[in-house]
Amino acid sequence: MAFHRVAAAVFLLLLFIGYINLYTVLDPSQDTYITPPPLGEDLYRELWGFDWSRGLDVRVESFEAASYRGSTISVAKISFSLLPGTPDCRIYGWLYGSPSSEGPWILLVHGLGGDHTFFEETLGGYKIAYELALRGFKVLSIDAAGHGESCIPGGESWRDRATTLEPGEFFLYYVYLSGVRAVEAAEALGAEPGRIAVMGVSMGGLTSYTVASLHPSVTLAIPIVASGCLSCMIQSGGLANLVGPSDAPVDGETVEKLSSSDPLSYIKLAASKGLLEGKAFYILFSGHDEYFPTEGLAATVEALRQAGATVAVAFSGNNNHYQPAPGWMDSALRVLEEFREGGVEAASALLREGSRAEAGWTTLLTGGVEWRPSSDGLAFLPGIPIIPLILGGEAVARASGEVLATSLPWSPPRIAPAVLLLAATVLAGFYASRQRLPRWPAAAAAAYATAAAYTIAYWHWPGRFSLGMLSLMERFGVTPSLTLGLPTLELMTLSAALTPLLAAAYLLSNSRWASIASAALYLALSLPPYILMRLVLGLVSENALQPIPATIIPVEAAYILILAAAIAAKRRATRGEGEA
C-alpha cells in the first residue's frame, strides 16, 4: 500500500509538471505585430518643419517653496506657447530647484490622464521632482498637452482628440509637441544642449522616446513602463478603447496612419538621419504589462541599438503596468547621477557595463531571486506552486547595487518546455503501463484536457494576452473584484491550479464518497469563475469604444463535457478491474 501511495505521488507530480508546461506549448505570444514605418520626410516637415524655439513666449507665473528631507525646494510655475502664433494655447510647467541645482536639466512627463503632481507623490520611495532637485538637477515637470492646466488645440482635454486617426490630429502628437517645446523652454531658461534628460511614465515614456529621438539637445531618456511601439500596444488591445473611431480596425492602414504618433516611427526616422548615435536609453519595463507587449519592447530596443544608441533595460518579469519594481528608482537615480557628473558618456559607460551580463538571464536590483514563468498567462496566477515554474520558466536574478540590464526574454526557447511536456507525458504513460493501472491514462487525459480548457478560454485575442484572463478587464477599466465584489483573482487561481488535479483525483479514487467530493469540487471550482467572467465581459463590451477582438468559447460546457467523459471512463475502467 505504501508503495502505491508513493507511486501515485510520483505520477501526480509528473502530471502536474506536464500540465503546467502545456500553457507554454500553447502560448501564442510569438504573434507578429505590424510595426510602423519611419515617418515620411514630407509628413515630418509638415508636422515638425518649424523653428521649435520660435514664439515660445516663456512666462513665469508664480513662485512658491516646499520642504523635502529637511531642505527647501523652490518651485516656479512657468508657461509657454504650444505652437508658434498661438499664444493663448499654453503648456504649463513647474520648475523645481535647490541651492545645489546647478547640474543638468531633466524633463518629467506624466502618464495618460495625469498631470505634473504625479512626480510630487511618492514613487519607488521618492518624491521624484523634489528628490532630483535635491540632487542637483534643474527639474521641469509639465502638464502635457490636454492634461491638467495645459491646452490642446481643438478641445479641452486629450479625450477630445482621441477619436481621430488623421496624422497630426491625434492627441499624442500634441503631447509629444509639448515635450519638444518644453526642452526649448528649458534652453531658453539656461539649460545647456546635450545636458538635458527626459524621464516619463507610460504616455510619458512614449514621449521620452520621441523627444529624445527628435531633439538633439536631449541625450538621455528613461522611459518607464512603456515601449516605443504604439502600434504594438494598440494591436494587443491596450489602447483599442481609447483611440480612433469605434469601427476602426487595427490593421496595416490604421498602423500607418498612427505613424505620426508612434515613437518607433520617430526612432526609425532619427536612425536614418544618424541622430541617435551616442544617446542613451535606460528603459524600466514590466514583463506583464497590461498595455505594452514585450514584442513591442523588442522592436524598440532593436531599432535603438541598430541606430547606435546605448540601451539597457530593467526588466521586471512579474510586475504589471501599475506596480513598479522594487529598486527601479534607485537604479534610475544612479544612472542620472552618472549623467550629472560625467554627461551622457558616463551614463552610457555605466549602462554598457551593466549590459555585459546579458546572456539570456535578466538582472534586477535589490537582492534575491524570483522565477518568471515563460507562459505569460500564469503571471496573473500567483497561487500556483513555484517548483513546476522553475522547470518551465526563466530565471530572474537580482544583483544588489548593480544597474539593471537584460537580454530581454521576449522569445524564450520554445523547445525546452515542449520537451519537458513530452517527457512528463511519456514517463506518466510508461509508469501507468508498468503498474497495470488502466485508470491512470484516463486521469492524465482528463487533467490535460482541463488545463487546455483554461488555456483556450479566449479562442482569439491578439498577442500574449491570450492567456491573461484578467488583463482584458484591466485594459477596459473594469476590475472584476471591484465590479462584482468578489475575489475573482483568487477564484481563477484556484480554478487553474486545482481543477486538473481534481479531474485526475476523481478517476483515481476508489471510494464512492471521494469520487462524489472530487467531482463536486471540480464543478464548484471550474464553473463559477467563467460565469463571473462572462458577466464582467458584458460590462466591458458595453463600455468599450473599440469592439473587443475576442471570441469566447463556452468554457463551462467544456468542463462539464470533460467530467462526463471522466465518468464514462471510470465506469469502463471499474468494470475492467472487476472482470480482472
Protein backbone atom coordinates (compact mmCIF):
# COMPACT_ATOMS: atom_id res chain seq x y z
CA MET A 1 0.00 0.00 0.00
CA ALA A 2 2.80 2.40 0.88
CA PHE A 3 4.45 1.69 -2.48
CA HIS A 4 1.27 2.53 -4.35
CA ARG A 5 0.90 5.78 -2.43
CA VAL A 6 4.45 6.79 -3.32
CA ALA A 7 3.83 5.74 -6.90
CA ALA A 8 0.66 7.83 -7.04
CA ALA A 9 2.54 10.84 -5.66
CA VAL A 10 5.30 10.47 -8.27
CA PHE A 11 2.78 10.17 -11.07
CA LEU A 12 0.80 13.19 -9.94
CA LEU A 13 4.00 15.24 -9.71
CA LEU A 14 4.89 14.31 -13.28
CA LEU A 15 1.36 15.12 -14.33
CA PHE A 16 1.44 18.47 -12.53
CA ILE A 17 4.73 19.45 -14.19
CA GLY A 18 3.36 18.43 -17.55
CA TYR A 19 0.09 20.34 -17.41
CA ILE A 20 1.79 23.50 -16.18
CA ASN A 21 4.02 23.40 -19.24
CA LEU A 22 1.09 22.80 -21.52
CA TYR A 23 0.42 26.53 -21.14
CA THR A 24 3.86 27.24 -22.54
CA VAL A 25 3.39 24.98 -25.53
CA LEU A 26 0.06 26.61 -26.37
CA ASP A 27 1.25 30.14 -25.61
CA PRO A 28 0.67 32.29 -28.73
CA SER A 29 2.99 35.06 -27.53
CA GLN A 30 5.08 34.94 -30.69
CA ASP A 31 2.33 36.58 -32.74
CA THR A 32 3.65 39.01 -35.35
CA TYR A 33 2.93 42.69 -34.78
CA ILE A 34 2.66 45.29 -37.53
CA THR A 35 5.30 47.86 -36.64
CA PRO A 36 5.04 51.35 -38.14
CA PRO A 37 7.25 52.58 -40.97
CA PRO A 38 9.61 55.52 -40.43
CA LEU A 39 7.77 58.82 -40.59
CA GLY A 40 7.88 60.08 -44.19
CA GLU A 41 10.04 63.12 -44.81
CA ASP A 42 7.12 65.09 -46.28
CA LEU A 43 4.90 64.39 -43.26
CA TYR A 44 7.79 65.15 -40.91
CA ARG A 45 8.29 68.58 -42.49
CA GLU A 46 4.54 69.21 -42.38
CA LEU A 47 4.27 68.38 -38.67
CA TRP A 48 7.66 69.47 -37.36
CA GLY A 49 9.07 71.76 -40.01
CA PHE A 50 9.16 74.96 -37.99
CA ASP A 51 11.64 76.63 -35.70
CA TRP A 52 10.89 74.96 -32.36
CA SER A 53 12.18 77.96 -30.43
CA ARG A 54 10.00 80.47 -32.27
CA GLY A 55 7.10 82.06 -30.41
CA LEU A 56 7.72 80.23 -27.12
CA ASP A 57 6.73 83.27 -25.06
CA VAL A 58 8.02 81.73 -21.80
CA ARG A 59 6.37 83.30 -18.77
CA VAL A 60 6.98 82.86 -15.06
CA GLU A 61 3.55 82.63 -13.50
CA SER A 62 4.31 82.25 -9.77
CA PHE A 63 6.82 81.16 -7.12
CA GLU A 64 6.46 79.02 -4.02
CA ALA A 65 8.65 76.92 -1.75
CA ALA A 66 8.31 73.35 -0.45
CA SER A 67 10.14 71.38 2.21
CA TYR A 68 11.65 67.99 1.38
CA ARG A 69 14.01 65.91 3.50
CA GLY A 70 14.83 68.94 5.62
CA SER A 71 15.72 71.13 2.64
CA THR A 72 13.84 73.91 0.89
CA ILE A 73 12.89 73.32 -2.72
CA SER A 74 11.87 76.32 -4.81
CA VAL A 75 9.03 75.77 -7.26
CA ALA A 76 8.39 78.19 -10.11
CA LYS A 77 5.29 77.79 -12.24
CA ILE A 78 6.01 78.66 -15.87
CA SER A 79 4.08 78.55 -19.12
CA PHE A 80 4.92 78.65 -22.81
CA SER A 81 3.09 78.54 -26.11
CA LEU A 82 2.39 75.11 -27.60
CA LEU A 83 2.66 76.34 -31.19
CA PRO A 84 4.12 79.47 -32.76
CA GLY A 85 1.40 82.03 -33.40
CA THR A 86 -0.97 80.58 -30.77
CA PRO A 87 -0.03 82.41 -27.56
CA ASP A 88 -3.32 81.53 -25.88
CA CYS A 89 -2.84 77.74 -26.20
CA ARG A 90 -0.28 77.27 -23.47
CA ILE A 91 1.60 74.46 -21.76
CA TYR A 92 2.23 74.78 -18.04
CA GLY A 93 5.29 73.50 -16.25
CA TRP A 94 6.74 73.52 -12.77
CA LEU A 95 10.43 74.18 -12.30
CA TYR A 96 11.98 72.64 -9.17
CA GLY A 97 15.35 73.70 -7.83
CA SER A 98 17.52 73.83 -4.73
CA PRO A 99 20.68 75.76 -3.86
CA SER A 100 22.67 72.86 -5.35
CA SER A 101 20.66 72.74 -8.60
CA GLU A 102 23.45 73.72 -10.95
CA GLY A 103 23.67 70.43 -12.81
CA PRO A 104 21.87 69.18 -15.91
CA TRP A 105 18.18 69.58 -16.59
CA ILE A 106 15.61 66.82 -16.64
CA LEU A 107 12.11 66.93 -18.16
CA LEU A 108 9.43 64.83 -16.41
CA VAL A 109 6.30 63.73 -18.28
CA HIS A 110 3.37 62.01 -16.54
CA GLY A 111 1.05 59.29 -17.85
CA LEU A 112 -2.30 59.39 -19.62
CA GLY A 113 -4.93 61.31 -17.68
CA GLY A 114 -2.44 62.58 -15.09
CA ASP A 115 -0.57 65.83 -14.51
CA HIS A 116 2.69 67.12 -13.08
CA THR A 117 1.68 66.27 -9.49
CA PHE A 118 2.38 62.59 -10.28
CA PHE A 119 6.06 63.34 -9.67
CA GLU A 120 5.29 65.11 -6.40
CA GLU A 121 3.80 61.90 -5.00
CA THR A 122 5.91 59.05 -3.65
CA LEU A 123 7.15 56.74 -6.40
CA GLY A 124 9.55 53.96 -5.50
CA GLY A 125 10.25 55.63 -2.16
CA TYR A 126 10.96 59.08 -3.59
CA LYS A 127 9.08 62.23 -4.49
CA ILE A 128 10.93 62.34 -7.78
CA ALA A 129 10.61 66.03 -8.63
CA TYR A 130 11.89 67.09 -5.21
CA GLU A 131 14.49 64.30 -4.99
CA LEU A 132 16.10 65.23 -8.30
CA ALA A 133 16.16 68.92 -7.35
CA LEU A 134 17.83 67.98 -4.07
CA ARG A 135 20.42 66.00 -6.00
CA GLY A 136 21.44 69.00 -8.09
CA PHE A 137 19.17 68.79 -11.14
CA LYS A 138 17.01 71.50 -12.59
CA VAL A 139 13.69 69.71 -12.89
CA LEU A 140 10.93 70.73 -15.29
CA SER A 141 7.71 68.77 -14.83
CA ILE A 142 4.93 69.64 -17.27
CA ASP A 143 1.21 69.14 -17.67
CA ALA A 144 1.31 67.55 -21.13
CA ALA A 145 -0.98 68.92 -23.83
CA GLY A 146 -4.61 68.25 -22.98
CA HIS A 147 -3.81 67.39 -19.37
CA GLY A 148 -4.04 69.41 -16.18
CA GLU A 149 -3.91 73.11 -16.97
CA SER A 150 -2.36 72.70 -20.42
CA CYS A 151 -4.14 73.36 -23.68
CA ILE A 152 -4.78 71.05 -26.61
CA PRO A 153 -5.87 72.57 -29.94
CA GLY A 154 -9.49 71.89 -30.80
CA GLY A 155 -10.53 70.62 -27.40
CA GLU A 156 -10.39 70.95 -23.65
CA SER A 157 -8.71 67.62 -22.89
CA TRP A 158 -6.86 64.80 -24.63
CA ARG A 159 -10.14 62.87 -24.94
CA ASP A 160 -11.39 65.46 -27.43
CA ARG A 161 -8.61 64.43 -29.85
CA ALA A 162 -8.57 60.68 -29.14
CA THR A 163 -11.04 59.53 -31.80
CA THR A 164 -9.24 60.68 -34.93
CA LEU A 165 -6.52 58.83 -36.79
CA GLU A 166 -5.59 61.71 -39.08
CA PRO A 167 -1.84 62.49 -38.98
CA GLY A 168 -1.09 65.42 -36.72
CA GLU A 169 -4.58 65.40 -35.19
CA PHE A 170 -4.27 62.52 -32.73
CA PHE A 171 -3.71 63.78 -29.19
CA LEU A 172 -0.31 62.10 -28.80
CA TYR A 173 1.16 64.33 -31.49
CA TYR A 174 0.36 67.35 -29.31
CA VAL A 175 1.67 65.57 -26.21
CA TYR A 176 5.00 64.96 -27.97
CA LEU A 177 5.00 68.53 -29.23
CA SER A 178 4.55 69.83 -25.68
CA GLY A 179 7.61 67.78 -24.69
CA VAL A 180 9.76 69.16 -27.52
CA ARG A 181 8.67 72.72 -26.75
CA ALA A 182 9.41 72.10 -23.06
CA VAL A 183 13.02 71.29 -23.99
CA GLU A 184 13.13 74.58 -25.91
CA ALA A 185 11.74 76.39 -22.86
CA ALA A 186 14.42 74.76 -20.71
CA GLU A 187 17.12 76.02 -23.08
CA ALA A 188 15.57 79.49 -23.02
CA LEU A 189 15.88 79.36 -19.23
CA GLY A 190 19.55 78.33 -19.30
CA ALA A 191 19.69 74.59 -19.97
CA GLU A 192 22.85 73.51 -21.77
CA PRO A 193 22.36 71.49 -25.00
CA GLY A 194 23.50 67.90 -24.51
CA ARG A 195 22.95 68.16 -20.76
CA ILE A 196 19.21 67.51 -20.84
CA ALA A 197 17.49 64.23 -19.91
CA VAL A 198 13.84 63.22 -20.16
CA MET A 199 12.02 60.72 -17.97
CA GLY A 200 8.37 59.73 -18.38
CA VAL A 201 5.87 57.14 -17.25
CA SER A 202 3.52 55.28 -19.63
CA MET A 203 2.36 58.03 -22.03
CA GLY A 204 5.30 60.00 -20.67
CA GLY A 205 7.51 57.07 -21.63
CA LEU A 206 6.26 57.29 -25.21
CA THR A 207 7.07 61.00 -25.05
CA SER A 208 10.56 60.23 -23.72
CA TYR A 209 11.40 58.08 -26.74
CA THR A 210 10.03 60.66 -29.16
CA VAL A 211 11.61 63.76 -27.62
CA ALA A 212 14.99 62.03 -27.25
CA SER A 213 14.84 60.92 -30.88
CA LEU A 214 13.79 64.29 -32.28
CA HIS A 215 15.64 66.84 -30.17
CA PRO A 216 19.45 66.97 -30.49
CA SER A 217 19.82 68.59 -27.07
CA VAL A 218 18.35 65.56 -25.24
CA THR A 219 20.96 62.84 -24.78
CA LEU A 220 19.47 60.57 -22.08
CA ALA A 221 15.97 59.11 -21.87
CA ILE A 222 14.46 57.00 -19.08
CA PRO A 223 11.10 55.63 -20.27
CA ILE A 224 9.15 53.83 -17.54
CA VAL A 225 6.55 51.10 -18.28
CA ALA A 226 6.45 51.95 -21.98
CA SER A 227 7.87 50.57 -25.20
CA GLY A 228 8.28 52.74 -28.25
CA CYS A 229 5.85 50.72 -30.35
CA LEU A 230 2.45 52.40 -30.02
CA SER A 231 1.01 50.24 -32.79
CA CYS A 232 2.04 47.06 -30.92
CA MET A 233 0.23 48.43 -27.90
CA ILE A 234 -2.95 49.02 -29.88
CA GLN A 235 -2.81 45.66 -31.65
CA SER A 236 -2.62 43.88 -28.30
CA GLY A 237 -5.73 45.76 -27.18
CA GLY A 238 -4.00 48.16 -24.82
CA LEU A 239 -5.38 51.34 -26.35
CA ALA A 240 -8.09 49.93 -28.59
CA ASN A 241 -10.80 51.52 -26.47
CA LEU A 242 -9.07 54.91 -26.32
CA VAL A 243 -8.07 55.71 -29.88
CA GLY A 244 -9.81 56.01 -33.18
CA PRO A 245 -13.43 55.57 -34.22
CA SER A 246 -15.16 52.59 -32.64
CA ASP A 247 -15.37 50.81 -36.00
CA ALA A 248 -11.72 51.38 -36.96
CA PRO A 249 -9.94 48.04 -37.48
CA VAL A 250 -6.44 47.61 -36.09
CA ASP A 251 -4.78 46.77 -39.40
CA GLY A 252 -1.91 47.91 -41.58
CA GLU A 253 -3.72 51.03 -42.79
CA THR A 254 -4.52 52.11 -39.24
CA VAL A 255 -0.95 51.48 -38.13
CA GLU A 256 0.36 53.61 -40.99
CA LYS A 257 -2.00 56.45 -40.08
CA LEU A 258 -0.77 56.28 -36.49
CA SER A 259 2.87 56.52 -37.55
CA SER A 260 2.89 60.27 -36.86
CA SER A 261 2.17 59.45 -33.22
CA ASP A 262 4.24 56.27 -32.89
CA PRO A 263 7.64 56.73 -31.20
CA LEU A 264 9.03 53.81 -33.19
CA SER A 265 8.41 55.82 -36.37
CA TYR A 266 10.49 58.66 -34.96
CA ILE A 267 13.19 56.26 -33.76
CA LYS A 268 13.46 54.80 -37.27
CA LEU A 269 13.45 58.28 -38.83
CA ALA A 270 16.14 59.51 -36.42
CA ALA A 271 18.17 56.38 -37.14
CA SER A 272 18.10 57.12 -40.88
CA LYS A 273 19.44 60.62 -40.14
CA GLY A 274 22.12 59.44 -37.67
CA LEU A 275 20.53 61.42 -34.83
CA LEU A 276 20.61 58.66 -32.20
CA GLU A 277 24.32 57.95 -32.29
CA GLY A 278 25.79 58.43 -28.80
CA LYS A 279 22.47 58.83 -26.99
CA ALA A 280 21.50 56.61 -24.05
CA PHE A 281 18.20 54.95 -23.15
CA TYR A 282 17.54 53.26 -19.81
CA ILE A 283 14.16 51.51 -20.03
CA LEU A 284 12.26 50.37 -16.93
CA PHE A 285 9.86 47.72 -18.22
CA SER A 286 7.30 45.36 -16.69
CA GLY A 287 7.22 41.93 -18.26
CA HIS A 288 3.48 41.52 -17.71
CA ASP A 289 2.33 45.00 -18.60
CA GLU A 290 -1.39 45.13 -19.42
CA TYR A 291 -0.79 47.68 -22.17
CA PHE A 292 2.69 47.25 -23.64
CA PRO A 293 3.51 43.78 -25.03
CA THR A 294 7.11 42.64 -24.78
CA GLU A 295 7.19 42.19 -28.55
CA GLY A 296 6.93 45.98 -28.85
CA LEU A 297 9.84 46.39 -26.48
CA ALA A 298 11.88 44.01 -28.62
CA ALA A 299 11.21 46.11 -31.73
CA THR A 300 12.08 49.32 -29.86
CA VAL A 301 15.37 48.07 -28.42
CA GLU A 302 16.45 46.57 -31.73
CA ALA A 303 15.78 49.85 -33.57
CA LEU A 304 17.63 51.92 -30.96
CA ARG A 305 20.67 49.66 -30.89
CA GLN A 306 20.87 49.49 -34.68
CA ALA A 307 20.88 53.31 -34.66
CA GLY A 308 23.94 53.42 -32.41
CA ALA A 309 22.25 54.30 -29.12
CA THR A 310 23.27 52.70 -25.85
CA VAL A 311 20.31 50.79 -24.40
CA ALA A 312 19.84 48.92 -21.14
CA VAL A 313 16.58 47.55 -19.81
CA ALA A 314 15.42 46.99 -16.25
CA PHE A 315 13.08 44.07 -16.88
CA SER A 316 10.79 43.07 -14.03
CA GLY A 317 9.18 39.82 -15.09
CA ASN A 318 6.26 39.61 -12.68
CA ASN A 319 5.29 43.26 -12.43
CA ASN A 320 2.48 44.97 -14.30
CA HIS A 321 1.83 48.49 -15.57
CA TYR A 322 0.81 49.84 -12.17
CA GLN A 323 3.33 48.01 -10.00
CA PRO A 324 6.84 49.49 -10.17
CA ALA A 325 9.57 47.00 -9.40
CA PRO A 326 11.47 47.40 -6.14
CA GLY A 327 14.70 49.26 -6.74
CA TRP A 328 13.72 50.77 -10.08
CA MET A 329 14.01 54.34 -8.85
CA ASP A 330 17.27 53.61 -7.06
CA SER A 331 18.81 52.35 -10.27
CA ALA A 332 17.36 55.24 -12.33
CA LEU A 333 18.79 57.74 -9.85
CA ARG A 334 22.19 56.09 -10.11
CA VAL A 335 22.14 56.44 -13.90
CA LEU A 336 21.08 60.06 -13.54
CA GLU A 337 23.87 60.76 -11.07
CA GLU A 338 26.39 59.45 -13.60
CA PHE A 339 24.78 61.75 -16.15
CA ARG A 340 25.05 64.66 -13.72
CA GLU A 341 28.75 64.06 -13.04
CA GLY A 342 30.01 62.99 -16.45
CA GLY A 343 27.31 63.60 -19.04
CA VAL A 344 25.89 61.06 -21.44
CA GLU A 345 29.31 59.41 -21.88
CA ALA A 346 29.42 58.45 -18.20
CA ALA A 347 25.80 57.28 -18.19
CA SER A 348 26.40 55.23 -21.33
CA ALA A 349 29.50 53.63 -19.84
CA LEU A 350 27.52 52.59 -16.78
CA LEU A 351 24.74 51.13 -18.92
CA ARG A 352 27.21 49.28 -21.14
CA GLU A 353 28.88 47.83 -18.05
CA GLY A 354 25.53 46.51 -16.84
CA SER A 355 24.70 45.16 -20.28
CA ARG A 356 27.78 42.93 -20.34
CA ALA A 357 25.90 40.47 -18.12
CA GLU A 358 23.37 39.82 -20.86
CA ALA A 359 23.30 36.10 -21.54
CA GLY A 360 19.65 35.13 -21.52
CA TRP A 361 19.17 35.92 -17.82
CA THR A 362 17.74 39.14 -16.52
CA THR A 363 19.36 41.20 -13.81
CA LEU A 364 17.29 43.03 -11.25
CA LEU A 365 18.15 45.22 -8.29
CA THR A 366 17.64 44.78 -4.53
CA GLY A 367 18.90 41.23 -3.99
CA GLY A 368 17.23 37.84 -4.05
CA VAL A 369 15.87 35.72 -6.86
CA GLU A 370 12.44 35.25 -8.39
CA TRP A 371 11.21 32.96 -11.12
CA ARG A 372 9.25 34.19 -14.10
CA PRO A 373 7.08 31.60 -15.87
CA SER A 374 7.67 31.52 -19.59
CA SER A 375 3.93 31.38 -20.18
CA ASP A 376 2.63 34.90 -19.73
CA GLY A 377 -0.85 33.95 -18.56
CA LEU A 378 0.49 32.33 -15.43
CA ALA A 379 1.85 35.66 -14.24
CA PHE A 380 -1.70 36.50 -13.21
CA LEU A 381 -1.94 33.36 -11.06
CA PRO A 382 0.34 33.88 -8.05
CA GLY A 383 -1.15 30.94 -6.14
CA ILE A 384 0.39 28.30 -8.42
CA PRO A 385 3.24 26.45 -6.65
CA ILE A 386 6.72 27.51 -7.60
CA ILE A 387 8.51 24.20 -8.34
CA PRO A 388 6.95 23.47 -11.76
CA LEU A 389 7.61 27.04 -12.84
CA ILE A 390 11.32 26.57 -12.17
CA LEU A 391 11.40 23.83 -14.77
CA GLY A 392 9.40 25.76 -17.35
CA GLY A 393 10.31 29.35 -16.61
CA GLU A 394 13.11 31.87 -16.80
CA ALA A 395 15.42 32.86 -14.01
CA VAL A 396 15.26 36.48 -12.89
CA ALA A 397 18.34 37.18 -10.79
CA ARG A 398 18.62 40.30 -8.66
CA ALA A 399 22.06 41.75 -8.18
CA SER A 400 22.16 44.28 -5.36
CA GLY A 401 23.70 47.62 -6.24
CA GLU A 402 24.08 46.92 -9.94
CA VAL A 403 22.46 48.70 -12.83
CA LEU A 404 19.64 46.68 -14.26
CA ALA A 405 20.39 45.24 -17.66
CA THR A 406 18.83 42.37 -19.50
CA SER A 407 18.81 40.49 -22.76
CA LEU A 408 15.03 40.86 -22.85
CA PRO A 409 13.49 37.36 -22.67
CA TRP A 410 10.62 38.15 -25.04
CA SER A 411 11.27 34.99 -27.07
CA PRO A 412 12.42 32.22 -24.72
CA PRO A 413 13.40 28.91 -26.37
CA ARG A 414 10.19 27.01 -27.05
CA ILE A 415 11.92 23.62 -27.40
CA ALA A 416 12.74 23.15 -23.71
CA PRO A 417 9.15 23.42 -22.39
CA ALA A 418 7.93 21.24 -25.26
CA VAL A 419 10.50 18.55 -24.49
CA LEU A 420 9.61 18.73 -20.80
CA LEU A 421 5.92 18.33 -21.58
CA LEU A 422 6.61 15.36 -23.83
CA ALA A 423 8.90 13.74 -21.25
CA ALA A 424 6.37 14.17 -18.46
CA THR A 425 3.64 12.66 -20.61
CA VAL A 426 5.77 9.70 -21.75
CA LEU A 427 7.00 8.96 -18.24
CA ALA A 428 3.49 9.15 -16.82
CA GLY A 429 2.13 6.80 -19.51
CA PHE A 430 5.07 4.42 -19.11
CA TYR A 431 4.60 4.30 -15.37
CA ALA A 432 0.86 3.66 -15.72
CA SER A 433 1.54 0.80 -18.11
CA ARG A 434 4.13 -0.82 -15.85
CA GLN A 435 1.80 -0.64 -12.87
CA ARG A 436 -1.14 -2.04 -14.86
CA LEU A 437 -3.37 0.81 -13.75
CA PRO A 438 -5.89 1.38 -16.54
CA ARG A 439 -7.36 4.48 -14.92
CA TRP A 440 -4.09 6.42 -14.92
CA PRO A 441 -4.05 7.23 -18.63
CA ALA A 442 -7.65 8.42 -18.39
CA ALA A 443 -6.69 10.55 -15.39
CA ALA A 444 -3.83 12.09 -17.36
CA ALA A 445 -6.11 12.81 -20.30
CA ALA A 446 -8.72 14.47 -18.07
CA ALA A 447 -6.10 16.62 -16.37
CA TYR A 448 -4.57 17.75 -19.65
CA ALA A 449 -7.98 18.45 -21.16
CA THR A 450 -8.87 20.58 -18.14
CA ALA A 451 -5.65 22.57 -18.44
CA ALA A 452 -6.27 23.05 -22.16
CA ALA A 453 -9.81 24.27 -21.47
CA TYR A 454 -8.41 27.02 -19.28
CA THR A 455 -5.71 27.88 -21.82
CA ILE A 456 -8.12 28.42 -24.72
CA ALA A 457 -10.73 30.35 -22.75
CA TYR A 458 -10.42 33.02 -25.40
CA TRP A 459 -10.28 31.48 -28.82
CA HIS A 460 -8.85 34.62 -30.40
CA TRP A 461 -7.10 37.53 -28.71
CA PRO A 462 -4.06 39.05 -30.38
CA GLY A 463 -0.68 38.80 -28.74
CA ARG A 464 0.44 37.41 -25.44
CA PHE A 465 -2.75 38.47 -23.64
CA SER A 466 -4.48 35.30 -24.86
CA LEU A 467 -3.58 33.72 -21.54
CA GLY A 468 -4.10 36.83 -19.36
CA MET A 469 -7.67 36.24 -18.21
CA LEU A 470 -7.68 39.34 -16.06
CA SER A 471 -5.70 41.71 -18.26
CA LEU A 472 -8.66 42.15 -20.59
CA MET A 473 -10.70 43.54 -17.70
CA GLU A 474 -7.92 45.87 -16.60
CA ARG A 475 -7.41 47.07 -20.15
CA PHE A 476 -11.00 48.19 -20.46
CA GLY A 477 -11.21 49.68 -16.99
CA VAL A 478 -13.47 47.04 -15.45
CA THR A 479 -11.87 45.33 -12.46
CA PRO A 480 -13.75 42.11 -11.63
CA SER A 481 -13.13 42.25 -7.89
CA LEU A 482 -14.43 45.82 -7.63
CA THR A 483 -17.25 45.38 -10.14
CA LEU A 484 -18.64 42.18 -8.66
CA GLY A 485 -17.41 42.50 -5.10
CA LEU A 486 -15.84 39.05 -5.33
CA PRO A 487 -12.21 37.85 -5.16
CA THR A 488 -12.08 36.93 -8.85
CA LEU A 489 -8.30 36.62 -8.95
CA GLU A 490 -8.31 34.11 -6.14
CA LEU A 491 -11.11 32.14 -7.80
CA MET A 492 -9.21 32.00 -11.08
CA THR A 493 -6.06 30.93 -9.27
CA LEU A 494 -7.80 28.08 -7.50
CA SER A 495 -9.58 27.02 -10.67
CA ALA A 496 -6.42 26.91 -12.79
CA ALA A 497 -4.28 25.21 -10.15
CA LEU A 498 -6.70 22.61 -8.75
CA THR A 499 -9.21 21.55 -11.40
CA PRO A 500 -6.74 19.40 -13.41
CA LEU A 501 -5.74 17.59 -10.23
CA LEU A 502 -9.37 17.14 -9.19
CA ALA A 503 -10.16 15.62 -12.58
CA ALA A 504 -7.35 13.11 -12.08
CA ALA A 505 -8.35 12.51 -8.45
CA TYR A 506 -11.91 11.66 -9.48
CA LEU A 507 -10.72 8.96 -11.88
CA LEU A 508 -8.22 7.52 -9.42
CA SER A 509 -10.43 7.46 -6.32
CA ASN A 510 -11.87 4.10 -5.22
CA SER A 511 -14.22 5.46 -2.57
CA ARG A 512 -17.70 6.47 -3.69
CA TRP A 513 -17.73 9.48 -1.39
CA ALA A 514 -14.25 10.58 -2.51
CA SER A 515 -15.43 10.38 -6.11
CA ILE A 516 -18.51 12.46 -5.37
CA ALA A 517 -16.48 15.02 -3.42
CA SER A 518 -13.80 15.39 -6.11
CA ALA A 519 -16.44 15.71 -8.88
CA ALA A 520 -18.39 18.30 -6.89
CA LEU A 521 -15.26 20.33 -6.14
CA TYR A 522 -14.27 20.11 -9.80
CA LEU A 523 -17.54 21.72 -10.86
CA ALA A 524 -17.55 24.20 -7.97
CA LEU A 525 -14.07 25.44 -8.88
CA SER A 526 -14.34 25.33 -12.66
CA LEU A 527 -17.73 26.86 -13.44
CA PRO A 528 -18.17 29.99 -11.23
CA PRO A 529 -15.03 31.84 -12.41
CA TYR A 530 -16.14 31.66 -16.04
CA ILE A 531 -19.70 32.64 -15.25
CA LEU A 532 -18.29 35.67 -13.43
CA MET A 533 -16.01 36.43 -16.36
CA ARG A 534 -18.97 36.43 -18.72
CA LEU A 535 -20.72 38.98 -16.51
CA VAL A 536 -17.66 41.19 -16.46
CA LEU A 537 -17.10 40.83 -20.20
CA GLY A 538 -20.66 42.01 -20.71
CA LEU A 539 -19.82 45.17 -18.77
CA VAL A 540 -16.57 45.58 -20.69
CA SER A 541 -18.35 45.20 -24.03
CA GLU A 542 -20.89 47.86 -23.06
CA ASN A 543 -18.22 50.38 -22.04
CA ALA A 544 -15.52 49.82 -24.68
CA LEU A 545 -15.37 52.20 -27.64
CA GLN A 546 -13.48 49.67 -29.75
CA PRO A 547 -15.08 46.26 -30.45
CA ILE A 548 -13.36 43.56 -28.42
CA PRO A 549 -11.49 41.27 -30.81
CA ALA A 550 -12.23 38.14 -28.79
CA THR A 551 -14.48 35.18 -29.48
CA ILE A 552 -15.34 33.46 -26.22
CA ILE A 553 -15.80 29.70 -26.36
CA PRO A 554 -18.23 28.02 -23.90
CA VAL A 555 -15.63 27.08 -21.31
CA GLU A 556 -18.27 25.98 -18.81
CA ALA A 557 -19.57 23.44 -21.30
CA ALA A 558 -16.01 22.20 -21.89
CA TYR A 559 -15.54 21.48 -18.18
CA ILE A 560 -18.88 19.67 -17.99
CA LEU A 561 -18.01 17.55 -21.03
CA ILE A 562 -14.62 16.68 -19.53
CA LEU A 563 -16.30 15.50 -16.33
CA ALA A 564 -18.88 13.50 -18.29
CA ALA A 565 -16.08 11.81 -20.22
CA ALA A 566 -14.25 11.09 -16.96
CA ILE A 567 -17.39 9.47 -15.50
CA ALA A 568 -17.74 7.23 -18.56
CA ALA A 569 -14.04 6.33 -18.49
CA LYS A 570 -14.16 5.48 -14.80
CA ARG A 571 -17.16 3.21 -15.24
CA ARG A 572 -15.41 1.35 -18.03
CA ALA A 573 -12.18 1.08 -16.03
CA THR A 574 -14.06 -0.12 -12.96
CA ARG A 575 -15.81 -2.83 -14.99
CA GLY A 576 -12.46 -3.90 -16.43
CA GLU A 577 -10.94 -4.14 -12.96
CA GLY A 578 -13.92 -6.19 -11.77
CA GLU A 579 -13.58 -8.62 -14.66
CA ALA A 580 -9.89 -8.96 -13.94
